[in-house]
Amino acid sequence: MSRETKRIPEAALQALVDAGAILNAFIVEDGDGQFHILCRSVKGIDHLIQMKRGGDRRFKTIDAAAKLLRSMGINRITLHLSEYAPGNQPLLR
C-alpha cells in the first residue's frame, strides 16, 4: 500500500509543524543528485514542498535542505541517499 503524497507550499508545511502534525522529516536524494524535503504527518500523508510556480522544490545541497528544516523548528531528520538504487522503495513519487 503506497502513501498519499501531497505537494504543499512552504507556509503550509510550517503550519503543520507549528500544529505538531509532523512525525518525520526526510531529506531525499533524487536521481539527479539533488535533494527534496518530504515530511510525514500524523495522518500518514507525505508532504513535499512545492515551488510557487509549480513543481517540487529541490535543493542542490543537503545543507540547504537541513537549514530550511531547522528554521521551521525541525531538528531531527532521516537522510535517504541514492533514492533510486536497486532494492530501495522510493519515498519520492
N, C-alpha and C. Protein backbone atom coordinates (compact mmCIF):
# COMPACT_ATOMS: atom_id res chain seq x y z
N MET A 1 0.84 -1.18 0.00
CA MET A 1 0.00 0.00 0.00
C MET A 1 0.88 1.24 0.00
N SER A 2 0.69 2.11 -0.96
CA SER A 2 1.51 3.31 -1.02
C SER A 2 0.84 4.45 -0.26
N ARG A 3 1.65 5.35 0.21
CA ARG A 3 1.14 6.50 0.96
C ARG A 3 0.68 7.60 0.01
N GLU A 4 -0.27 8.37 0.49
CA GLU A 4 -0.70 9.55 -0.25
C GLU A 4 0.39 10.61 -0.14
N THR A 5 0.71 11.26 -1.25
CA THR A 5 1.70 12.33 -1.26
C THR A 5 1.03 13.61 -1.74
N LYS A 6 1.17 14.66 -0.93
CA LYS A 6 0.62 15.96 -1.29
C LYS A 6 1.77 16.95 -1.48
N ARG A 7 1.62 17.81 -2.46
CA ARG A 7 2.56 18.90 -2.67
C ARG A 7 1.94 20.15 -2.06
N ILE A 8 2.69 20.77 -1.14
CA ILE A 8 2.15 21.93 -0.43
C ILE A 8 3.18 23.05 -0.41
N PRO A 9 2.73 24.30 -0.28
CA PRO A 9 3.68 25.41 -0.16
C PRO A 9 4.43 25.33 1.18
N GLU A 10 5.57 25.99 1.22
CA GLU A 10 6.39 26.00 2.43
C GLU A 10 5.60 26.52 3.63
N ALA A 11 4.77 27.55 3.42
CA ALA A 11 3.99 28.13 4.53
C ALA A 11 3.00 27.10 5.10
N ALA A 12 2.43 26.26 4.25
CA ALA A 12 1.50 25.23 4.73
C ALA A 12 2.25 24.17 5.54
N LEU A 13 3.46 23.83 5.11
CA LEU A 13 4.26 22.88 5.87
C LEU A 13 4.62 23.48 7.23
N GLN A 14 4.96 24.76 7.24
CA GLN A 14 5.27 25.43 8.51
C GLN A 14 4.07 25.38 9.46
N ALA A 15 2.87 25.56 8.93
CA ALA A 15 1.66 25.49 9.75
C ALA A 15 1.48 24.08 10.34
N LEU A 16 1.78 23.05 9.56
CA LEU A 16 1.70 21.68 10.07
C LEU A 16 2.73 21.44 11.17
N VAL A 17 3.93 21.95 10.98
CA VAL A 17 4.98 21.82 12.00
C VAL A 17 4.54 22.53 13.28
N ASP A 18 4.04 23.75 13.14
CA ASP A 18 3.61 24.53 14.30
C ASP A 18 2.47 23.85 15.06
N ALA A 19 1.62 23.13 14.34
CA ALA A 19 0.49 22.43 14.95
C ALA A 19 0.90 21.09 15.56
N GLY A 20 2.15 20.68 15.35
CA GLY A 20 2.63 19.41 15.88
C GLY A 20 2.16 18.21 15.07
N ALA A 21 1.82 18.45 13.80
CA ALA A 21 1.26 17.40 12.95
C ALA A 21 2.31 16.64 12.15
N ILE A 22 3.58 16.99 12.26
CA ILE A 22 4.64 16.31 11.50
C ILE A 22 5.35 15.32 12.41
N LEU A 23 5.37 14.06 11.99
CA LEU A 23 6.04 13.00 12.75
C LEU A 23 7.49 12.82 12.34
N ASN A 24 7.73 12.80 11.03
CA ASN A 24 9.07 12.54 10.50
C ASN A 24 9.38 13.50 9.37
N ALA A 25 10.65 13.86 9.27
CA ALA A 25 11.11 14.69 8.16
C ALA A 25 12.26 13.95 7.49
N PHE A 26 12.25 13.95 6.17
CA PHE A 26 13.25 13.26 5.37
C PHE A 26 13.88 14.23 4.39
N ILE A 27 15.18 14.08 4.18
CA ILE A 27 15.85 14.72 3.05
C ILE A 27 16.17 13.57 2.10
N VAL A 28 15.64 13.68 0.87
CA VAL A 28 15.71 12.58 -0.07
C VAL A 28 16.47 13.00 -1.31
N GLU A 29 17.50 12.22 -1.68
CA GLU A 29 18.25 12.48 -2.90
C GLU A 29 17.49 11.90 -4.08
N ASP A 30 17.36 12.69 -5.14
CA ASP A 30 16.70 12.18 -6.34
C ASP A 30 17.74 11.62 -7.32
N GLY A 31 17.28 11.18 -8.46
CA GLY A 31 18.17 10.57 -9.45
C GLY A 31 19.16 11.53 -10.07
N ASP A 32 18.94 12.84 -9.90
CA ASP A 32 19.83 13.87 -10.46
C ASP A 32 20.82 14.40 -9.43
N GLY A 33 20.86 13.82 -8.24
CA GLY A 33 21.79 14.27 -7.20
C GLY A 33 21.33 15.52 -6.48
N GLN A 34 20.07 15.88 -6.63
CA GLN A 34 19.52 17.00 -5.87
C GLN A 34 18.65 16.44 -4.75
N PHE A 35 18.22 17.32 -3.86
CA PHE A 35 17.55 16.87 -2.64
C PHE A 35 16.17 17.50 -2.51
N HIS A 36 15.26 16.72 -1.93
CA HIS A 36 13.89 17.15 -1.67
C HIS A 36 13.63 16.99 -0.18
N ILE A 37 12.68 17.77 0.32
CA ILE A 37 12.22 17.59 1.69
C ILE A 37 10.86 16.91 1.63
N LEU A 38 10.73 15.83 2.37
CA LEU A 38 9.47 15.12 2.49
C LEU A 38 9.15 15.00 3.97
N CYS A 39 7.96 15.40 4.38
CA CYS A 39 7.56 15.31 5.78
C CYS A 39 6.32 14.45 5.89
N ARG A 40 6.32 13.55 6.85
CA ARG A 40 5.19 12.63 7.06
C ARG A 40 4.36 13.13 8.24
N SER A 41 3.06 13.28 8.00
CA SER A 41 2.18 13.80 9.04
C SER A 41 1.60 12.68 9.90
N VAL A 42 0.95 13.08 10.99
CA VAL A 42 0.35 12.10 11.90
C VAL A 42 -0.76 11.30 11.22
N LYS A 43 -1.32 11.81 10.14
CA LYS A 43 -2.35 11.09 9.40
C LYS A 43 -1.75 10.14 8.35
N GLY A 44 -0.43 10.05 8.30
CA GLY A 44 0.23 9.13 7.37
C GLY A 44 0.37 9.68 5.96
N ILE A 45 0.18 10.97 5.79
CA ILE A 45 0.32 11.61 4.48
C ILE A 45 1.72 12.17 4.35
N ASP A 46 2.35 11.94 3.20
CA ASP A 46 3.66 12.51 2.91
C ASP A 46 3.45 13.85 2.23
N HIS A 47 4.22 14.86 2.67
CA HIS A 47 4.11 16.20 2.13
C HIS A 47 5.44 16.61 1.52
N LEU A 48 5.41 17.02 0.26
CA LEU A 48 6.58 17.56 -0.45
C LEU A 48 6.38 19.06 -0.61
N ILE A 49 7.44 19.82 -0.47
CA ILE A 49 7.35 21.27 -0.66
C ILE A 49 7.30 21.56 -2.15
N GLN A 50 6.32 22.35 -2.54
CA GLN A 50 6.22 22.75 -3.95
C GLN A 50 6.72 24.18 -4.11
N MET A 51 7.19 24.48 -5.30
CA MET A 51 7.63 25.83 -5.61
C MET A 51 6.40 26.69 -5.91
N LYS A 52 6.56 28.00 -5.82
CA LYS A 52 5.45 28.92 -6.05
C LYS A 52 4.85 28.76 -7.44
N ARG A 53 5.66 28.43 -8.41
CA ARG A 53 5.17 28.31 -9.79
C ARG A 53 4.95 26.86 -10.20
N GLY A 54 4.88 25.97 -9.25
CA GLY A 54 4.64 24.56 -9.53
C GLY A 54 5.93 23.77 -9.53
N GLY A 55 5.81 22.48 -9.43
CA GLY A 55 6.97 21.60 -9.38
C GLY A 55 7.49 21.47 -7.95
N ASP A 56 8.24 20.42 -7.71
CA ASP A 56 8.79 20.17 -6.39
C ASP A 56 9.99 21.07 -6.13
N ARG A 57 10.09 21.57 -4.91
CA ARG A 57 11.27 22.36 -4.55
C ARG A 57 12.44 21.41 -4.39
N ARG A 58 13.55 21.78 -5.02
CA ARG A 58 14.76 20.96 -4.99
C ARG A 58 15.89 21.80 -4.39
N PHE A 59 16.81 21.11 -3.75
CA PHE A 59 17.96 21.75 -3.13
C PHE A 59 19.22 21.15 -3.72
N LYS A 60 20.22 21.99 -3.95
CA LYS A 60 21.49 21.50 -4.52
C LYS A 60 22.34 20.78 -3.49
N THR A 61 22.15 21.12 -2.20
CA THR A 61 22.96 20.50 -1.15
C THR A 61 22.08 20.02 0.00
N ILE A 62 22.58 19.03 0.71
CA ILE A 62 21.91 18.56 1.92
C ILE A 62 21.83 19.69 2.93
N ASP A 63 22.89 20.47 3.02
CA ASP A 63 22.96 21.56 3.98
C ASP A 63 21.82 22.56 3.77
N ALA A 64 21.54 22.91 2.54
CA ALA A 64 20.47 23.88 2.26
C ALA A 64 19.11 23.33 2.71
N ALA A 65 18.86 22.07 2.45
CA ALA A 65 17.60 21.46 2.89
C ALA A 65 17.53 21.40 4.41
N ALA A 66 18.64 21.03 5.05
CA ALA A 66 18.67 20.94 6.51
C ALA A 66 18.47 22.31 7.17
N LYS A 67 19.03 23.35 6.58
CA LYS A 67 18.85 24.70 7.12
C LYS A 67 17.38 25.12 7.09
N LEU A 68 16.69 24.78 6.02
CA LEU A 68 15.27 25.12 5.94
C LEU A 68 14.48 24.36 7.01
N LEU A 69 14.75 23.07 7.15
CA LEU A 69 14.05 22.30 8.19
C LEU A 69 14.33 22.85 9.58
N ARG A 70 15.58 23.19 9.84
CA ARG A 70 15.94 23.76 11.14
C ARG A 70 15.20 25.07 11.40
N SER A 71 15.10 25.90 10.36
CA SER A 71 14.40 27.19 10.52
C SER A 71 12.91 26.99 10.79
N MET A 72 12.37 25.84 10.40
CA MET A 72 10.96 25.53 10.66
C MET A 72 10.75 24.92 12.04
N GLY A 73 11.83 24.63 12.74
CA GLY A 73 11.72 24.04 14.06
C GLY A 73 11.85 22.53 14.08
N ILE A 74 12.29 21.95 12.96
CA ILE A 74 12.50 20.51 12.89
C ILE A 74 13.99 20.25 13.11
N ASN A 75 14.32 19.47 14.12
CA ASN A 75 15.73 19.24 14.40
C ASN A 75 16.13 17.77 14.29
N ARG A 76 15.22 16.93 13.85
CA ARG A 76 15.55 15.52 13.64
C ARG A 76 15.08 15.13 12.24
N ILE A 77 16.00 14.59 11.45
CA ILE A 77 15.67 14.21 10.08
C ILE A 77 16.24 12.83 9.77
N THR A 78 15.71 12.23 8.73
CA THR A 78 16.26 11.00 8.18
C THR A 78 16.75 11.32 6.79
N LEU A 79 17.92 10.86 6.46
CA LEU A 79 18.53 11.13 5.17
C LEU A 79 18.45 9.90 4.29
N HIS A 80 17.89 10.06 3.08
CA HIS A 80 17.81 8.97 2.10
C HIS A 80 18.70 9.33 0.92
N LEU A 81 19.83 8.66 0.82
CA LEU A 81 20.73 8.85 -0.32
C LEU A 81 20.48 7.75 -1.33
N SER A 82 20.79 8.01 -2.57
CA SER A 82 20.61 7.03 -3.64
C SER A 82 19.19 6.46 -3.63
N GLU A 83 18.25 7.37 -3.66
CA GLU A 83 16.83 7.02 -3.59
C GLU A 83 16.44 5.95 -4.61
N TYR A 84 17.04 5.98 -5.77
CA TYR A 84 16.63 5.06 -6.83
C TYR A 84 17.59 3.89 -7.01
N ALA A 85 18.34 3.54 -5.97
CA ALA A 85 19.23 2.39 -6.03
C ALA A 85 18.41 1.10 -6.06
N PRO A 86 18.94 0.06 -6.69
CA PRO A 86 18.21 -1.21 -6.74
C PRO A 86 17.84 -1.71 -5.34
N GLY A 87 16.60 -2.16 -5.21
CA GLY A 87 16.15 -2.70 -3.93
C GLY A 87 15.55 -1.68 -2.99
N ASN A 88 15.71 -0.39 -3.26
CA ASN A 88 15.13 0.64 -2.40
C ASN A 88 13.69 0.89 -2.80
N GLN A 89 12.84 1.08 -1.79
CA GLN A 89 11.47 1.50 -2.06
C GLN A 89 11.48 3.03 -1.99
N PRO A 90 11.30 3.71 -3.11
CA PRO A 90 11.46 5.17 -3.12
C PRO A 90 10.39 5.91 -2.32
N LEU A 91 10.81 6.98 -1.66
CA LEU A 91 9.88 7.88 -0.97
C LEU A 91 9.27 8.87 -1.95
N LEU A 92 10.04 9.25 -2.97
CA LEU A 92 9.56 10.22 -3.95
C LEU A 92 8.73 9.51 -4.99
N ARG A 93 7.59 10.11 -5.33
CA ARG A 93 6.74 9.57 -6.38
C ARG A 93 6.32 10.68 -7.28
